[in-house]
N, C-alpha and C. Protein backbone atom coordinates (compact mmCIF):
# COMPACT_ATOMS: atom_id res chain seq x y z
N LEU A 1 -2.19 1.00 -1.37
CA LEU A 1 -1.73 0.28 -0.19
C LEU A 1 -2.69 0.51 0.98
N ARG A 2 -3.14 1.75 1.13
CA ARG A 2 -4.04 2.06 2.25
C ARG A 2 -5.38 1.32 2.12
N ILE A 3 -5.87 1.18 0.91
CA ILE A 3 -7.13 0.45 0.71
C ILE A 3 -6.95 -1.01 1.09
N PHE A 4 -5.87 -1.60 0.62
CA PHE A 4 -5.56 -3.00 0.95
C PHE A 4 -5.43 -3.18 2.46
N LEU A 5 -4.65 -2.30 3.11
CA LEU A 5 -4.46 -2.40 4.56
C LEU A 5 -5.76 -2.19 5.32
N GLY A 6 -6.59 -1.29 4.82
CA GLY A 6 -7.89 -1.07 5.46
C GLY A 6 -8.76 -2.31 5.42
N LYS A 7 -8.77 -3.00 4.27
CA LYS A 7 -9.54 -4.24 4.15
C LYS A 7 -8.99 -5.30 5.09
N LYS A 8 -7.67 -5.42 5.14
CA LYS A 8 -7.04 -6.41 6.03
C LYS A 8 -7.33 -6.08 7.49
N ALA A 9 -7.30 -4.82 7.85
CA ALA A 9 -7.57 -4.41 9.23
C ALA A 9 -9.00 -4.77 9.61
N GLU A 10 -9.95 -4.54 8.71
CA GLU A 10 -11.34 -4.90 8.99
C GLU A 10 -11.49 -6.42 9.16
N GLU A 11 -10.79 -7.19 8.31
CA GLU A 11 -10.83 -8.65 8.44
C GLU A 11 -10.29 -9.07 9.80
N HIS A 12 -9.16 -8.50 10.18
CA HIS A 12 -8.54 -8.86 11.46
C HIS A 12 -9.43 -8.45 12.63
N LYS A 13 -10.08 -7.33 12.51
CA LYS A 13 -10.95 -6.86 13.60
C LYS A 13 -12.09 -7.85 13.82
N ASP A 14 -12.61 -8.41 12.73
CA ASP A 14 -13.73 -9.35 12.83
C ASP A 14 -13.30 -10.74 13.28
N THR A 15 -12.06 -11.12 13.04
CA THR A 15 -11.66 -12.51 13.27
C THR A 15 -10.58 -12.71 14.33
N PHE A 16 -10.04 -11.65 14.92
CA PHE A 16 -8.91 -11.85 15.81
C PHE A 16 -9.35 -12.51 17.11
N ASP A 17 -8.44 -13.31 17.67
CA ASP A 17 -8.66 -13.98 18.94
C ASP A 17 -7.67 -13.39 19.93
N SER A 18 -8.17 -12.73 20.97
CA SER A 18 -7.28 -12.05 21.91
C SER A 18 -6.37 -13.02 22.66
N GLN A 19 -6.75 -14.30 22.68
CA GLN A 19 -5.92 -15.31 23.35
C GLN A 19 -4.85 -15.87 22.42
N ASP A 20 -4.97 -15.60 21.14
CA ASP A 20 -4.02 -16.14 20.17
C ASP A 20 -3.70 -15.11 19.08
N PRO A 21 -3.03 -13.99 19.44
CA PRO A 21 -2.68 -12.99 18.42
C PRO A 21 -1.63 -13.55 17.46
N LYS A 22 -1.85 -13.31 16.18
CA LYS A 22 -0.97 -13.89 15.16
C LYS A 22 -0.03 -12.89 14.51
N ASN A 23 -0.34 -11.59 14.62
CA ASN A 23 0.50 -10.60 13.96
C ASN A 23 0.31 -9.24 14.63
N VAL A 24 0.92 -8.21 14.07
CA VAL A 24 0.90 -6.89 14.69
C VAL A 24 -0.52 -6.30 14.71
N MET A 25 -1.33 -6.60 13.72
CA MET A 25 -2.70 -6.10 13.73
C MET A 25 -3.50 -6.72 14.88
N ASP A 26 -3.32 -8.01 15.10
CA ASP A 26 -4.00 -8.66 16.21
C ASP A 26 -3.56 -8.06 17.54
N MET A 27 -2.27 -7.81 17.70
CA MET A 27 -1.78 -7.22 18.95
C MET A 27 -2.34 -5.81 19.14
N TYR A 28 -2.52 -5.10 18.08
CA TYR A 28 -3.12 -3.77 18.13
C TYR A 28 -4.52 -3.86 18.72
N PHE A 29 -5.31 -4.82 18.22
CA PHE A 29 -6.67 -4.97 18.71
C PHE A 29 -6.71 -5.50 20.14
N VAL A 30 -5.74 -6.31 20.51
CA VAL A 30 -5.65 -6.78 21.90
C VAL A 30 -5.45 -5.59 22.83
N GLN A 31 -4.54 -4.68 22.46
CA GLN A 31 -4.30 -3.50 23.29
C GLN A 31 -5.53 -2.61 23.37
N LEU A 32 -6.25 -2.48 22.28
CA LEU A 32 -7.45 -1.65 22.28
C LEU A 32 -8.57 -2.26 23.12
N SER A 33 -8.60 -3.58 23.20
CA SER A 33 -9.67 -4.23 23.95
C SER A 33 -9.50 -4.11 25.46
N LYS A 34 -8.31 -3.73 25.91
CA LYS A 34 -8.08 -3.53 27.34
C LYS A 34 -8.80 -2.27 27.80
N ASP A 35 -9.25 -2.28 29.03
CA ASP A 35 -9.96 -1.11 29.57
C ASP A 35 -9.08 0.13 29.61
N ASP A 36 -7.80 -0.07 29.85
CA ASP A 36 -6.89 1.07 29.92
C ASP A 36 -6.11 1.27 28.62
N GLY A 37 -6.62 0.69 27.53
CA GLY A 37 -5.96 0.81 26.23
C GLY A 37 -6.00 2.24 25.72
N PRO A 38 -5.05 2.59 24.87
CA PRO A 38 -4.98 3.97 24.36
C PRO A 38 -6.18 4.31 23.47
N LYS A 39 -6.94 5.31 23.86
CA LYS A 39 -8.15 5.67 23.11
C LYS A 39 -7.83 6.45 21.83
N GLU A 40 -6.66 7.11 21.79
CA GLU A 40 -6.31 7.87 20.59
C GLU A 40 -5.98 6.97 19.41
N LEU A 41 -5.78 5.68 19.66
CA LEU A 41 -5.46 4.74 18.60
C LEU A 41 -6.65 3.84 18.27
N SER A 42 -7.85 4.30 18.55
CA SER A 42 -9.01 3.43 18.47
C SER A 42 -9.66 3.36 17.10
N SER A 43 -9.04 3.87 16.08
CA SER A 43 -9.68 3.82 14.76
C SER A 43 -8.89 2.93 13.80
N ILE A 44 -9.59 2.44 12.82
CA ILE A 44 -8.95 1.64 11.76
C ILE A 44 -7.95 2.50 11.02
N GLU A 45 -8.25 3.80 10.86
CA GLU A 45 -7.34 4.70 10.14
C GLU A 45 -5.99 4.79 10.84
N SER A 46 -6.00 4.81 12.17
CA SER A 46 -4.72 4.90 12.88
C SER A 46 -3.94 3.59 12.73
N LEU A 47 -4.64 2.47 12.71
CA LEU A 47 -3.97 1.18 12.48
C LEU A 47 -3.37 1.13 11.08
N VAL A 48 -4.12 1.58 10.11
CA VAL A 48 -3.64 1.59 8.72
C VAL A 48 -2.41 2.49 8.61
N SER A 49 -2.42 3.64 9.27
CA SER A 49 -1.26 4.53 9.25
C SER A 49 -0.05 3.88 9.88
N PHE A 50 -0.27 3.19 11.00
CA PHE A 50 0.82 2.51 11.69
C PHE A 50 1.45 1.43 10.82
N VAL A 51 0.62 0.57 10.24
CA VAL A 51 1.14 -0.51 9.40
C VAL A 51 1.78 0.05 8.13
N SER A 52 1.20 1.10 7.59
CA SER A 52 1.78 1.75 6.41
C SER A 52 3.17 2.30 6.72
N ASP A 53 3.33 2.89 7.91
CA ASP A 53 4.65 3.38 8.33
C ASP A 53 5.65 2.23 8.43
N LEU A 54 5.21 1.08 8.94
CA LEU A 54 6.10 -0.08 9.03
C LEU A 54 6.56 -0.53 7.64
N PHE A 55 5.61 -0.59 6.70
CA PHE A 55 5.97 -0.96 5.33
C PHE A 55 6.93 0.05 4.73
N GLY A 56 6.65 1.33 4.93
CA GLY A 56 7.51 2.38 4.38
C GLY A 56 8.91 2.30 4.94
N ALA A 57 9.03 2.07 6.23
CA ALA A 57 10.35 1.98 6.85
C ALA A 57 11.11 0.78 6.31
N GLY A 58 10.44 -0.34 6.17
CA GLY A 58 11.10 -1.53 5.63
C GLY A 58 11.52 -1.35 4.18
N THR A 59 10.67 -0.71 3.41
CA THR A 59 10.98 -0.46 2.00
C THR A 59 12.16 0.49 1.87
N ASP A 60 12.17 1.54 2.67
CA ASP A 60 13.26 2.51 2.62
C ASP A 60 14.59 1.88 3.01
N THR A 61 14.58 1.07 4.06
CA THR A 61 15.80 0.41 4.51
C THR A 61 16.33 -0.55 3.45
N THR A 62 15.44 -1.33 2.88
CA THR A 62 15.85 -2.31 1.87
C THR A 62 16.38 -1.62 0.61
N SER A 63 15.71 -0.58 0.16
CA SER A 63 16.17 0.11 -1.05
C SER A 63 17.50 0.80 -0.81
N GLY A 64 17.70 1.36 0.38
CA GLY A 64 18.99 1.99 0.70
C GLY A 64 20.13 0.98 0.70
N ALA A 65 19.88 -0.17 1.31
CA ALA A 65 20.91 -1.22 1.33
C ALA A 65 21.22 -1.71 -0.08
N PHE A 66 20.21 -1.86 -0.90
CA PHE A 66 20.41 -2.32 -2.27
C PHE A 66 21.21 -1.30 -3.08
N CYS A 67 20.92 -0.02 -2.88
CA CYS A 67 21.68 1.02 -3.58
C CYS A 67 23.16 0.97 -3.21
N TRP A 68 23.44 0.81 -1.92
CA TRP A 68 24.84 0.72 -1.49
C TRP A 68 25.51 -0.54 -2.04
N LEU A 69 24.76 -1.63 -2.14
CA LEU A 69 25.31 -2.84 -2.72
C LEU A 69 25.74 -2.58 -4.16
N LEU A 70 24.90 -1.90 -4.92
CA LEU A 70 25.24 -1.59 -6.32
C LEU A 70 26.45 -0.66 -6.42
N VAL A 71 26.54 0.31 -5.52
CA VAL A 71 27.69 1.22 -5.52
C VAL A 71 28.97 0.44 -5.26
N TYR A 72 28.97 -0.43 -4.27
CA TYR A 72 30.18 -1.21 -3.97
C TYR A 72 30.54 -2.16 -5.09
N LEU A 73 29.54 -2.79 -5.69
CA LEU A 73 29.84 -3.69 -6.81
C LEU A 73 30.41 -2.92 -8.00
N ALA A 74 29.93 -1.71 -8.23
CA ALA A 74 30.45 -0.90 -9.33
C ALA A 74 31.89 -0.46 -9.05
N ASN A 75 32.20 -0.19 -7.78
CA ASN A 75 33.54 0.27 -7.43
C ASN A 75 34.55 -0.86 -7.29
N TYR A 76 34.08 -2.06 -7.10
CA TYR A 76 34.99 -3.21 -6.91
C TYR A 76 34.60 -4.34 -7.87
N PRO A 77 34.99 -4.20 -9.14
CA PRO A 77 34.61 -5.20 -10.14
C PRO A 77 35.16 -6.59 -9.83
N ASP A 78 36.26 -6.68 -9.09
CA ASP A 78 36.80 -8.00 -8.75
C ASP A 78 35.82 -8.78 -7.87
N ILE A 79 35.05 -8.07 -7.06
CA ILE A 79 34.04 -8.73 -6.22
C ILE A 79 32.91 -9.25 -7.11
N GLN A 80 32.59 -8.54 -8.16
CA GLN A 80 31.51 -8.97 -9.07
C GLN A 80 31.86 -10.32 -9.69
N GLU A 81 33.14 -10.53 -10.00
CA GLU A 81 33.56 -11.76 -10.64
C GLU A 81 33.36 -12.98 -9.75
N LYS A 82 33.43 -12.76 -8.42
CA LYS A 82 33.24 -13.89 -7.50
C LYS A 82 31.80 -14.28 -7.50
């Protein structure tokens, strides 16, 4: 995942338009291009970590919800029939 995100980050860095940001990576580069932008976030590695955290959080939330769905369906077979 990190290799894929690194390649995508490099692509976005080369092609992003600060007047027309299309996604979170573009907004990241817009913030970095400002004179008062955060310097501690100035590397591709930090962007990859940030986006990786977003994917991880979304995956964790979705898998947790799905597990609870299965628990409820197992406990209430009448709902399964519907």
